Amino acid sequence: GVRNFENLEKGLSEMNRVLRPGGRAVILEFSKPTIFPFKQLYNFYFRWILPKIGKVVSKDNAAYTYLPESVNEFPFGDDFLEILKKTGYKNTKCKPLTLGISSIYVGEK
């Protein structure tokens, strides 16, 4: 995942720099489901249930409130593909997984 890069474009550019010509970057990242009613159920779970479970298990409230916030702010789908193209990747693709909870992004040098 690249969601926690301090500077997303700089990090992706650096990944591209060290790839061999024709090499591929494959990124697995959280996404946002878009299918009704799964989207609504997932958002409710992710925002209200997961942080409570995380707090009980880890005793750290911040860790599990940060996750939904960071996923919500991260570009997904076509928006992320545009960033990949902007940072020098070609033949970019996105494959949503598990009804859109996560996605695999591929870009070639």
PDB file of N, CA and C in Angstrom:
ATOM      1  N   GLY A   1       0.814  -1.192   0.000  1.00  0.00           N
ATOM      2  CA  GLY A   1       0.000   0.000   0.000  1.00  0.00           C
ATOM      3  C   GLY A   1       0.853   1.250   0.000  1.00  0.00           C
ATOM      4  N   VAL A   2       0.272   2.313  -0.482  1.00  0.00           N
ATOM      5  CA  VAL A   2       0.980   3.598  -0.554  1.00  0.00           C
ATOM      6  C   VAL A   2       0.197   4.708   0.146  1.00  0.00           C
ATOM      7  N   ARG A   3      -0.895   4.336   0.786  1.00  0.00           N
ATOM      8  CA  ARG A   3      -1.792   5.304   1.410  1.00  0.00           C
ATOM      9  C   ARG A   3      -1.080   6.169   2.450  1.00  0.00           C
ATOM     10  N   ASN A   4      -0.067   5.627   3.102  1.00  0.00           N
ATOM     11  CA  ASN A   4       0.608   6.364   4.164  1.00  0.00           C
ATOM     12  C   ASN A   4       1.891   7.060   3.719  1.00  0.00           C
ATOM     13  N   PHE A   5       2.153   7.120   2.420  1.00  0.00           N
ATOM     14  CA  PHE A   5       3.305   7.887   1.954  1.00  0.00           C
ATOM     15  C   PHE A   5       3.123   9.333   2.396  1.00  0.00           C
ATOM     16  N   GLU A   6       4.195   9.939   2.853  1.00  0.00           N
ATOM     17  CA  GLU A   6       4.126  11.348   3.249  1.00  0.00           C
ATOM     18  C   GLU A   6       3.767  12.221   2.050  1.00  0.00           C
ATOM     19  N   ASN A   7       4.370  11.920   0.902  1.00  0.00           N
ATOM     20  CA  ASN A   7       4.073  12.636  -0.334  1.00  0.00           C
ATOM     21  C   ASN A   7       3.806  11.563  -1.392  1.00  0.00           C
ATOM     22  N   LEU A   8       2.542  11.360  -1.727  1.00  0.00           N
ATOM     23  CA  LEU A   8       2.135  10.271  -2.615  1.00  0.00           C
ATOM     24  C   LEU A   8       2.826  10.346  -3.970  1.00  0.00           C
ATOM     25  N   GLU A   9       2.788  11.502  -4.614  1.00  0.00           N
ATOM     26  CA  GLU A   9       3.373  11.619  -5.950  1.00  0.00           C
ATOM     27  C   GLU A   9       4.886  11.411  -5.928  1.00  0.00           C
ATOM     28  N   LYS A  10       5.545  11.942  -4.928  1.00  0.00           N
ATOM     29  CA  LYS A  10       6.992  11.764  -4.816  1.00  0.00           C
ATOM     30  C   LYS A  10       7.333  10.291  -4.595  1.00  0.00           C
ATOM     31  N   GLY A  11       6.575   9.610  -3.736  1.00  0.00           N
ATOM     32  CA  GLY A  11       6.811   8.195  -3.482  1.00  0.00           C
ATOM     33  C   GLY A  11       6.586   7.340  -4.715  1.00  0.00           C
ATOM     34  N   LEU A  12       5.506   7.615  -5.442  1.00  0.00           N
ATOM     35  CA  LEU A  12       5.224   6.856  -6.668  1.00  0.00           C
ATOM     36  C   LEU A  12       6.283   7.120  -7.734  1.00  0.00           C
ATOM     37  N   SER A  13       6.728   8.371  -7.833  1.00  0.00           N
ATOM     38  CA  SER A  13       7.789   8.703  -8.792  1.00  0.00           C
ATOM     39  C   SER A  13       9.069   7.954  -8.460  1.00  0.00           C
ATOM     40  N   GLU A  14       9.390   7.858  -7.171  1.00  0.00           N
ATOM     41  CA  GLU A  14      10.602   7.150  -6.750  1.00  0.00           C
ATOM     42  C   GLU A  14      10.473   5.653  -7.047  1.00  0.00           C
ATOM     43  N   MET A  15       9.295   5.096  -6.826  1.00  0.00           N
ATOM     44  CA  MET A  15       9.082   3.689  -7.176  1.00  0.00           C
ATOM     45  C   MET A  15       9.310   3.477  -8.676  1.00  0.00           C
ATOM     46  N   ASN A  16       8.796   4.397  -9.469  1.00  0.00           N
ATOM     47  CA  ASN A  16       8.947   4.293 -10.917  1.00  0.00           C
ATOM     48  C   ASN A  16      10.423   4.421 -11.304  1.00  0.00           C
ATOM     49  N   ARG A  17      11.140   5.293 -10.645  1.00  0.00           N
ATOM     50  CA  ARG A  17      12.554   5.515 -10.956  1.00  0.00           C
ATOM     51  C   ARG A  17      13.370   4.230 -10.808  1.00  0.00           C
ATOM     52  N   VAL A  18      13.081   3.431  -9.777  1.00  0.00           N
ATOM     53  CA  VAL A  18      13.896   2.246  -9.521  1.00  0.00           C
ATOM     54  C   VAL A  18      13.415   0.993 -10.265  1.00  0.00           C
ATOM     55  N   LEU A  19      12.286   1.099 -10.941  1.00  0.00           N
ATOM     56  CA  LEU A  19      11.830  -0.034 -11.760  1.00  0.00           C
ATOM     57  C   LEU A  19      12.698  -0.183 -13.000  1.00  0.00           C
ATOM     58  N   ARG A  20      12.899  -1.415 -13.414  1.00  0.00           N
ATOM     59  CA  ARG A  20      13.561  -1.658 -14.694  1.00  0.00           C
ATOM     60  C   ARG A  20      12.625  -1.232 -15.814  1.00  0.00           C
ATOM     61  N   PRO A  21      13.161  -0.891 -16.975  1.00  0.00           N
ATOM     62  CA  PRO A  21      12.282  -0.614 -18.109  1.00  0.00           C
ATOM     63  C   PRO A  21      11.366  -1.813 -18.361  1.00  0.00           C
ATOM     64  N   GLY A  22      10.091  -1.563 -18.478  1.00  0.00           N
ATOM     65  CA  GLY A  22       9.102  -2.616 -18.661  1.00  0.00           C
ATOM     66  C   GLY A  22       8.642  -3.247 -17.354  1.00  0.00           C
ATOM     67  N   GLY A  23       9.260  -2.835 -16.228  1.00  0.00           N
ATOM     68  CA  GLY A  23       8.879  -3.371 -14.929  1.00  0.00           C
ATOM     69  C   GLY A  23       7.509  -2.880 -14.500  1.00  0.00           C
ATOM     70  N   ARG A  24       6.922  -3.595 -13.552  1.00  0.00           N
ATOM     71  CA  ARG A  24       5.574  -3.254 -13.082  1.00  0.00           C
ATOM     72  C   ARG A  24       5.576  -2.938 -11.596  1.00  0.00           C
ATOM     73  N   ALA A  25       4.793  -1.955 -11.248  1.00  0.00           N
ATOM     74  CA  ALA A  25       4.478  -1.701  -9.842  1.00  0.00           C
ATOM     75  C   ALA A  25       3.073  -2.253  -9.618  1.00  0.00           C
ATOM     76  N   VAL A  26       2.910  -3.035  -8.563  1.00  0.00           N
ATOM     77  CA  VAL A  26       1.611  -3.603  -8.209  1.00  0.00           C
ATOM     78  C   VAL A  26       1.306  -3.143  -6.791  1.00  0.00           C
ATOM     79  N   ILE A  27       0.196  -2.446  -6.638  1.00  0.00           N
ATOM     80  CA  ILE A  27      -0.151  -1.817  -5.366  1.00  0.00           C
ATOM     81  C   ILE A  27      -1.512  -2.331  -4.914  1.00  0.00           C
ATOM     82  N   LEU A  28      -1.568  -2.850  -3.702  1.00  0.00           N
ATOM     83  CA  LEU A  28      -2.825  -3.268  -3.090  1.00  0.00           C
ATOM     84  C   LEU A  28      -3.202  -2.194  -2.088  1.00  0.00           C
ATOM     85  N   GLU A  29      -4.386  -1.624  -2.242  1.00  0.00           N
ATOM     86  CA  GLU A  29      -4.788  -0.509  -1.393  1.00  0.00           C
ATOM     87  C   GLU A  29      -6.277  -0.597  -1.078  1.00  0.00           C
ATOM     88  N   PHE A  30      -6.652  -0.068   0.082  1.00  0.00           N
ATOM     89  CA  PHE A  30      -8.074   0.037   0.414  1.00  0.00           C
ATOM     90  C   PHE A  30      -8.771   0.927  -0.603  1.00  0.00           C
ATOM     91  N   SER A  31     -10.049   0.667  -0.837  1.00  0.00           N
ATOM     92  CA  SER A  31     -10.888   1.475  -1.724  1.00  0.00           C
ATOM     93  C   SER A  31     -12.186   1.793  -0.999  1.00  0.00           C
ATOM     94  N   LYS A  32     -13.161   2.255  -1.771  1.00  0.00           N
ATOM     95  CA  LYS A  32     -14.483   2.553  -1.220  1.00  0.00           C
ATOM     96  C   LYS A  32     -15.527   1.812  -2.044  1.00  0.00           C
ATOM     97  N   PRO A  33     -16.276   0.919  -1.417  1.00  0.00           N
ATOM     98  CA  PRO A  33     -17.342   0.231  -2.161  1.00  0.00           C
ATOM     99  C   PRO A  33     -18.340   1.247  -2.733  1.00  0.00           C
ATOM    100  N   THR A  34     -18.912   0.919  -3.878  1.00  0.00           N
ATOM    101  CA  THR A  34     -19.864   1.826  -4.519  1.00  0.00           C
ATOM    102  C   THR A  34     -21.238   1.198  -4.742  1.00  0.00           C
ATOM    103  N   ILE A  35     -21.380  -0.081  -4.446  1.00  0.00           N
ATOM    104  CA  ILE A  35     -22.629  -0.803  -4.734  1.00  0.00           C
ATOM    105  C   ILE A  35     -23.593  -0.708  -3.548  1.00  0.00           C
ATOM    106  N   PHE A  36     -24.807  -0.221  -3.802  1.00  0.00           N
ATOM    107  CA  PHE A  36     -25.852  -0.163  -2.782  1.00  0.00           C
ATOM    108  C   PHE A  36     -26.371  -1.570  -2.528  1.00  0.00           C
ATOM    109  N   PRO A  37     -26.633  -1.993  -1.341  1.00  0.00           N
ATOM    110  CA  PRO A  37     -26.502  -1.368  -0.026  1.00  0.00           C
ATOM    111  C   PRO A  37     -25.169  -1.700   0.652  1.00  0.00           C
ATOM    112  N   PHE A  38     -24.278  -2.431  -0.069  1.00  0.00           N
ATOM    113  CA  PHE A  38     -23.005  -2.811   0.537  1.00  0.00           C
ATOM    114  C   PHE A  38     -22.202  -1.583   0.960  1.00  0.00           C
ATOM    115  N   LYS A  39     -22.249  -0.536   0.153  1.00  0.00           N
ATOM    116  CA  LYS A  39     -21.530   0.702   0.461  1.00  0.00           C
ATOM    117  C   LYS A  39     -21.961   1.248   1.821  1.00  0.00           C
ATOM    118  N   GLN A  40     -23.260   1.310   2.050  1.00  0.00           N
ATOM    119  CA  GLN A  40     -23.781   1.872   3.293  1.00  0.00           C
ATOM    120  C   GLN A  40     -23.429   0.984   4.492  1.00  0.00           C
ATOM    121  N   LEU A  41     -23.553  -0.322   4.343  1.00  0.00           N
ATOM    122  CA  LEU A  41     -23.208  -1.245   5.429  1.00  0.00           C
ATOM    123  C   LEU A  41     -21.722  -1.171   5.758  1.00  0.00           C
ATOM    124  N   TYR A  42     -20.910  -1.157   4.739  1.00  0.00           N
ATOM    125  CA  TYR A  42     -19.462  -1.085   4.932  1.00  0.00           C
ATOM    126  C   TYR A  42     -19.062   0.221   5.620  1.00  0.00           C
ATOM    127  N   ASN A  43     -19.625   1.336   5.153  1.00  0.00           N
ATOM    128  CA  ASN A  43     -19.293   2.630   5.765  1.00  0.00           C
ATOM    129  C   ASN A  43     -19.697   2.674   7.237  1.00  0.00           C
ATOM    130  N   PHE A  44     -20.859   2.122   7.558  1.00  0.00           N
ATOM    131  CA  PHE A  44     -21.301   2.081   8.951  1.00  0.00           C
ATOM    132  C   PHE A  44     -20.326   1.250   9.787  1.00  0.00           C
ATOM    133  N   TYR A  45     -19.990   0.067   9.305  1.00  0.00           N
ATOM    134  CA  TYR A  45     -19.050  -0.804  10.014  1.00  0.00           C
ATOM    135  C   TYR A  45     -17.690  -0.128  10.181  1.00  0.00           C
ATOM    136  N   PHE A  46     -17.174   0.428   9.093  1.00  0.00           N
ATOM    137  CA  PHE A  46     -15.835   1.009   9.084  1.00  0.00           C
ATOM    138  C   PHE A  46     -15.742   2.232   9.993  1.00  0.00           C
ATOM    139  N   ARG A  47     -16.818   3.004  10.056  1.00  0.00           N
ATOM    140  CA  ARG A  47     -16.804   4.246  10.834  1.00  0.00           C
ATOM    141  C   ARG A  47     -17.171   4.032  12.302  1.00  0.00           C
ATOM    142  N   TRP A  48     -18.099   3.132  12.588  1.00  0.00           N
ATOM    143  CA  TRP A  48     -18.627   3.014  13.950  1.00  0.00           C
ATOM    144  C   TRP A  48     -18.251   1.720  14.680  1.00  0.00           C
ATOM    145  N   ILE A  49     -18.180   0.615  13.980  1.00  0.00           N
ATOM    146  CA  ILE A  49     -17.922  -0.675  14.633  1.00  0.00           C
ATOM    147  C   ILE A  49     -16.421  -0.963  14.746  1.00  0.00           C
ATOM    148  N   LEU A  50     -15.698  -0.876  13.640  1.00  0.00           N
ATOM    149  CA  LEU A  50     -14.273  -1.187  13.628  1.00  0.00           C
ATOM    150  C   LEU A  50     -13.478  -0.391  14.668  1.00  0.00           C
ATOM    151  N   PRO A  51     -13.681   0.920  14.802  1.00  0.00           N
ATOM    152  CA  PRO A  51     -12.915   1.645  15.827  1.00  0.00           C
ATOM    153  C   PRO A  51     -13.178   1.139  17.250  1.00  0.00           C
ATOM    154  N   LYS A  52     -14.401   0.739  17.532  1.00  0.00           N
ATOM    155  CA  LYS A  52     -14.707   0.221  18.876  1.00  0.00           C
ATOM    156  C   LYS A  52     -14.032  -1.132  19.115  1.00  0.00           C
ATOM    157  N   ILE A  53     -14.066  -2.000  18.115  1.00  0.00           N
ATOM    158  CA  ILE A  53     -13.378  -3.290  18.230  1.00  0.00           C
ATOM    159  C   ILE A  53     -11.872  -3.061  18.375  1.00  0.00           C
ATOM    160  N   GLY A  54     -11.333  -2.177  17.572  1.00  0.00           N
ATOM    161  CA  GLY A  54      -9.912  -1.865  17.633  1.00  0.00           C
ATOM    162  C   GLY A  54      -9.486  -1.322  18.974  1.00  0.00           C
ATOM    163  N   LYS A  55     -10.306  -0.478  19.562  1.00  0.00           N
ATOM    164  CA  LYS A  55      -9.981   0.091  20.875  1.00  0.00           C
ATOM    165  C   LYS A  55      -9.947  -1.000  21.943  1.00  0.00           C
ATOM    166  N   VAL A  56     -10.900  -1.927  21.885  1.00  0.00           N
ATOM    167  CA  VAL A  56     -10.938  -3.017  22.864  1.00  0.00           C
ATOM    168  C   VAL A  56      -9.715  -3.925  22.694  1.00  0.00           C
ATOM    169  N   VAL A  57      -9.392  -4.266  21.452  1.00  0.00           N
ATOM    170  CA  VAL A  57      -8.300  -5.206  21.186  1.00  0.00           C
ATOM    171  C   VAL A  57      -6.927  -4.573  21.445  1.00  0.00           C
ATOM    172  N   SER A  58      -6.726  -3.356  20.955  1.00  0.00           N
ATOM    173  CA  SER A  58      -5.387  -2.763  21.015  1.00  0.00           C
ATOM    174  C   SER A  58      -5.208  -1.751  22.141  1.00  0.00           C
ATOM    175  N   LYS A  59      -6.296  -1.333  22.756  1.00  0.00           N
ATOM    176  CA  LYS A  59      -6.264  -0.290  23.795  1.00  0.00           C
ATOM    177  C   LYS A  59      -5.808   1.055  23.238  1.00  0.00           C
ATOM    178  N   ASP A  60      -5.845   1.209  21.917  1.00  0.00           N
ATOM    179  CA  ASP A  60      -5.416   2.447  21.269  1.00  0.00           C
ATOM    180  C   ASP A  60      -6.532   2.938  20.358  1.00  0.00           C
ATOM    181  N   ASN A  61      -7.276   3.931  20.809  1.00  0.00           N
ATOM    182  CA  ASN A  61      -8.408   4.454  20.045  1.00  0.00           C
ATOM    183  C   ASN A  61      -7.964   5.116  18.750  1.00  0.00           C
ATOM    184  N   ALA A  62      -6.833   5.805  18.771  1.00  0.00           N
ATOM    185  CA  ALA A  62      -6.397   6.568  17.605  1.00  0.00           C
ATOM    186  C   ALA A  62      -6.089   5.675  16.409  1.00  0.00           C
ATOM    187  N   ALA A  63      -5.534   4.507  16.640  1.00  0.00           N
ATOM    188  CA  ALA A  63      -5.131   3.639  15.531  1.00  0.00           C
ATOM    189  C   ALA A  63      -6.310   3.257  14.652  1.00  0.00           C
ATOM    190  N   TYR A  64      -7.440   2.996  15.237  1.00  0.00           N
ATOM    191  CA  TYR A  64      -8.580   2.509  14.452  1.00  0.00           C
ATOM    192  C   TYR A  64      -9.553   3.603  14.053  1.00  0.00           C
ATOM    193  N   THR A  65      -9.344   4.825  14.514  1.00  0.00           N
ATOM    194  CA  THR A  65     -10.095   5.937  13.947  1.00  0.00           C
ATOM    195  C   THR A  65      -9.318   6.527  12.776  1.00  0.00           C
ATOM    196  N   TYR A  66      -7.986   6.385  12.819  1.00  0.00           N
ATOM    197  CA  TYR A  66      -7.147   6.876  11.727  1.00  0.00           C
ATOM    198  C   TYR A  66      -7.406   6.099  10.439  1.00  0.00           C
ATOM    199  N   LEU A  67      -7.580   4.789  10.537  1.00  0.00           N
ATOM    200  CA  LEU A  67      -7.745   3.952   9.345  1.00  0.00           C
ATOM    201  C   LEU A  67      -8.910   4.416   8.462  1.00  0.00           C
ATOM    202  N   PRO A  68     -10.139   4.543   8.997  1.00  0.00           N
ATOM    203  CA  PRO A  68     -11.234   5.010   8.125  1.00  0.00           C
ATOM    204  C   PRO A  68     -10.994   6.414   7.568  1.00  0.00           C
ATOM    205  N   GLU A  69     -10.386   7.275   8.364  1.00  0.00           N
ATOM    206  CA  GLU A  69     -10.116   8.641   7.888  1.00  0.00           C
ATOM    207  C   GLU A  69      -9.125   8.630   6.727  1.00  0.00           C
ATOM    208  N   SER A  70      -8.055   7.849   6.861  1.00  0.00           N
ATOM    209  CA  SER A  70      -7.041   7.823   5.807  1.00  0.00           C
ATOM    210  C   SER A  70      -7.575   7.162   4.538  1.00  0.00           C
ATOM    211  N   VAL A  71      -8.390   6.133   4.678  1.00  0.00           N
ATOM    212  CA  VAL A  71      -8.984   5.482   3.503  1.00  0.00           C
ATOM    213  C   VAL A  71      -9.944   6.448   2.804  1.00  0.00           C
ATOM    214  N   ASN A  72     -10.709   7.190   3.589  1.00  0.00           N
ATOM    215  CA  ASN A  72     -11.667   8.139   3.015  1.00  0.00           C
ATOM    216  C   ASN A  72     -10.973   9.246   2.227  1.00  0.00           C
ATOM    217  N   GLU A  73      -9.795   9.662   2.669  1.00  0.00           N
ATOM    218  CA  GLU A  73      -9.067  10.750   2.009  1.00  0.00           C
ATOM    219  C   GLU A  73      -8.263  10.287   0.796  1.00  0.00           C
ATOM    220  N   PHE A  74      -7.963   9.003   0.721  1.00  0.00           N
ATOM    221  CA  PHE A  74      -7.102   8.500  -0.338  1.00  0.00           C
ATOM    222  C   PHE A  74      -7.855   8.403  -1.659  1.00  0.00           C
ATOM    223  N   PRO A  75      -7.233   8.833  -2.773  1.00  0.00           N
ATOM    224  CA  PRO A  75      -7.898   8.711  -4.079  1.00  0.00           C
ATOM    225  C   PRO A  75      -7.991   7.238  -4.469  1.00  0.00           C
ATOM    226  N   PHE A  76      -9.096   6.868  -5.093  1.00  0.00           N
ATOM    227  CA  PHE A  76      -9.249   5.474  -5.519  1.00  0.00           C
ATOM    228  C   PHE A  76      -9.790   5.431  -6.928  1.00  0.00           C
ATOM    229  N   GLY A  77      -9.678   4.255  -7.540  1.00  0.00           N
ATOM    230  CA  GLY A  77     -10.198   4.062  -8.896  1.00  0.00           C
ATOM    231  C   GLY A  77      -9.493   4.938  -9.910  1.00  0.00           C
ATOM    232  N   ASP A  78     -10.292   5.588 -10.757  1.00  0.00           N
ATOM    233  CA  ASP A  78      -9.745   6.425 -11.830  1.00  0.00           C
ATOM    234  C   ASP A  78      -8.891   7.572 -11.295  1.00  0.00           C
ATOM    235  N   ASP A  79      -9.235   8.102 -10.129  1.00  0.00           N
ATOM    236  CA  ASP A  79      -8.442   9.202  -9.563  1.00  0.00           C
ATOM    237  C   ASP A  79      -7.016   8.742  -9.263  1.00  0.00           C
ATOM    238  N   PHE A  80      -6.873   7.543  -8.705  1.00  0.00           N
ATOM    239  CA  PHE A  80      -5.535   7.036  -8.421  1.00  0.00           C
ATOM    240  C   PHE A  80      -4.805   6.681  -9.714  1.00  0.00           C
ATOM    241  N   LEU A  81      -5.525   6.152 -10.690  1.00  0.00           N
ATOM    242  CA  LEU A  81      -4.899   5.850 -11.979  1.00  0.00           C
ATOM    243  C   LEU A  81      -4.327   7.112 -12.626  1.00  0.00           C
ATOM    244  N   GLU A  82      -5.028   8.213 -12.486  1.00  0.00           N
ATOM    245  CA  GLU A  82      -4.521   9.491 -13.024  1.00  0.00           C
ATOM    246  C   GLU A  82      -3.225   9.902 -12.341  1.00  0.00           C
ATOM    247  N   ILE A  83      -3.126   9.682 -11.045  1.00  0.00           N
ATOM    248  CA  ILE A  83      -1.896  10.003 -10.321  1.00  0.00           C
ATOM    249  C   ILE A  83      -0.762   9.092 -10.790  1.00  0.00           C
ATOM    250  N   LEU A  84      -1.065   7.810 -11.006  1.00  0.00           N
ATOM    251  CA  LEU A  84      -0.048   6.912 -11.538  1.00  0.00           C
ATOM    252  C   LEU A  84       0.461   7.413 -12.887  1.00  0.00           C
ATOM    253  N   LYS A  85      -0.443   7.808 -13.764  1.00  0.00           N
ATOM    254  CA  LYS A  85      -0.038   8.313 -15.084  1.00  0.00           C
ATOM    255  C   LYS A  85       0.790   9.579 -14.943  1.00  0.00           C
ATOM    256  N   LYS A  86       0.377  10.452 -14.059  1.00  0.00           N
ATOM    257  CA  LYS A  86       1.079  11.718 -13.833  1.00  0.00           C
ATOM    258  C   LYS A  86       2.508  11.485 -13.342  1.00  0.00           C
ATOM    259  N   THR A  87       2.719  10.392 -12.620  1.00  0.00           N
ATOM    260  CA  THR A  87       4.041  10.112 -12.076  1.00  0.00           C
ATOM    261  C   THR A  87       4.851   9.169 -12.969  1.00  0.00           C
ATOM    262  N   GLY A  88       4.395   8.979 -14.212  1.00  0.00           N
ATOM    263  CA  GLY A  88       5.209   8.299 -15.208  1.00  0.00           C
ATOM    264  C   GLY A  88       4.853   6.866 -15.544  1.00  0.00           C
ATOM    265  N   TYR A  89       3.791   6.335 -14.981  1.00  0.00           N
ATOM    266  CA  TYR A  89       3.410   4.949 -15.268  1.00  0.00           C
ATOM    267  C   TYR A  89       2.571   4.873 -16.536  1.00  0.00           C
ATOM    268  N   LYS A  90       2.714   3.742 -17.251  1.00  0.00           N
ATOM    269  CA  LYS A  90       1.933   3.495 -18.461  1.00  0.00           C
ATOM    270  C   LYS A  90       1.103   2.233 -18.255  1.00  0.00           C
ATOM    271  N   ASN A  91       0.150   2.019 -19.136  1.00  0.00           N
ATOM    272  CA  ASN A  91      -0.693   0.816 -19.103  1.00  0.00           C
ATOM    273  C   ASN A  91      -1.258   0.569 -17.699  1.00  0.00           C
ATOM    274  N   THR A  92      -1.791   1.611 -17.117  1.00  0.00           N
ATOM    275  CA  THR A  92      -2.310   1.501 -15.750  1.00  0.00           C
ATOM    276  C   THR A  92      -3.654   0.774 -15.750  1.00  0.00           C
ATOM    277  N   LYS A  93      -3.851   0.003 -14.685  1.00  0.00           N
ATOM    278  CA  LYS A  93      -5.096  -0.756 -14.536  1.00  0.00           C
ATOM    279  C   LYS A  93      -5.496  -0.764 -13.068  1.00  0.00           C
ATOM    280  N   CYS A  94      -6.790  -0.925 -12.851  1.00  0.00           N
ATOM    281  CA  CYS A  94      -7.343  -1.062 -11.505  1.00  0.00           C
ATOM    282  C   CYS A  94      -8.276  -2.267 -11.499  1.00  0.00           C
ATOM    283  N   LYS A  95      -8.080  -3.145 -10.524  1.00  0.00           N
ATOM    284  CA  LYS A  95      -8.970  -4.297 -10.367  1.00  0.00           C
ATOM    285  C   LYS A  95      -9.565  -4.242  -8.964  1.00  0.00           C
ATOM    286  N   PRO A  96     -10.847  -3.840  -8.839  1.00  0.00           N
ATOM    287  CA  PRO A  96     -11.500  -3.835  -7.527  1.00  0.00           C
ATOM    288  C   PRO A  96     -11.672  -5.260  -7.004  1.00  0.00           C
ATOM    289  N   LEU A  97     -11.510  -5.425  -5.708  1.00  0.00           N
ATOM    290  CA  LEU A  97     -11.663  -6.716  -5.047  1.00  0.00           C
ATOM    291  C   LEU A  97     -12.717  -6.624  -3.958  1.00  0.00           C
ATOM    292  N   THR A  98     -13.372  -7.714  -3.652  1.00  0.00           N
ATOM    293  CA  THR A  98     -14.349  -7.820  -2.568  1.00  0.00           C
ATOM    294  C   THR A  98     -15.345  -6.657  -2.592  1.00  0.00           C
ATOM    295  N   LEU A  99     -16.027  -6.529  -3.706  1.00  0.00           N
ATOM    296  CA  LEU A  99     -17.053  -5.488  -3.896  1.00  0.00           C
ATOM    297  C   LEU A  99     -16.513  -4.081  -3.705  1.00  0.00           C
ATOM    298  N   GLY A 100     -15.215  -3.896  -3.908  1.00  0.00           N
ATOM    299  CA  GLY A 100     -14.627  -2.561  -3.851  1.00  0.00           C
ATOM    300  C   GLY A 100     -13.979  -2.197  -2.529  1.00  0.00           C
ATOM    301  N   ILE A 101     -13.866  -3.132  -1.583  1.00  0.00           N
ATOM    302  CA  ILE A 101     -13.207  -2.821  -0.313  1.00  0.00           C
ATOM    303  C   ILE A 101     -11.729  -2.522  -0.542  1.00  0.00           C
ATOM    304  N   SER A 102     -11.125  -3.221  -1.476  1.00  0.00           N
ATOM    305  CA  SER A 102      -9.739  -2.960  -1.827  1.00  0.00           C
ATOM    306  C   SER A 102      -9.598  -3.058  -3.338  1.00  0.00           C
ATOM    307  N   SER A 103      -8.458  -2.594  -3.821  1.00  0.00           N
ATOM    308  CA  SER A 103      -8.192  -2.636  -5.255  1.00  0.00           C
ATOM    309  C   SER A 103      -6.715  -2.932  -5.492  1.00  0.00           C
ATOM    310  N   ILE A 104      -6.447  -3.600  -6.593  1.00  0.00           N
ATOM    311  CA  ILE A 104      -5.079  -3.799  -7.050  1.00  0.00           C
ATOM    312  C   ILE A 104      -4.866  -2.842  -8.203  1.00  0.00           C
ATOM    313  N   TYR A 105      -3.812  -2.038  -8.094  1.00  0.00           N
ATOM    314  CA  TYR A 105      -3.436  -1.097  -9.142  1.00  0.00           C
ATOM    315  C   TYR A 105      -2.129  -1.579  -9.756  1.00  0.00           C
ATOM    316  N   VAL A 106      -2.044  -1.505 -11.076  1.00  0.00           N
ATOM    317  CA  VAL A 106      -0.849  -1.915 -11.786  1.00  0.00           C
ATOM    318  C   VAL A 106      -0.442  -0.795 -12.718  1.00  0.00           C
ATOM    319  N   GLY A 107       0.840  -0.493 -12.755  1.00  0.00           N
ATOM    320  CA  GLY A 107       1.393   0.473 -13.683  1.00  0.00           C
ATOM    321  C   GLY A 107       2.747  -0.023 -14.155  1.00  0.00           C
ATOM    322  N   GLU A 108       3.065   0.231 -15.407  1.00  0.00           N
ATOM    323  CA  GLU A 108       4.335  -0.204 -15.991  1.00  0.00           C
ATOM    324  C   GLU A 108       5.244   0.993 -16.244  1.00  0.00           C
ATOM    325  N   LYS A 109       6.541   0.724 -16.179  1.00  0.00           N
ATOM    326  CA  LYS A 109       7.514   1.766 -16.492  1.00  0.00           C
ATOM    327  C   LYS A 109       7.699   1.804 -18.000  1.00  0.00           C
TER     328      LYS A 109
END
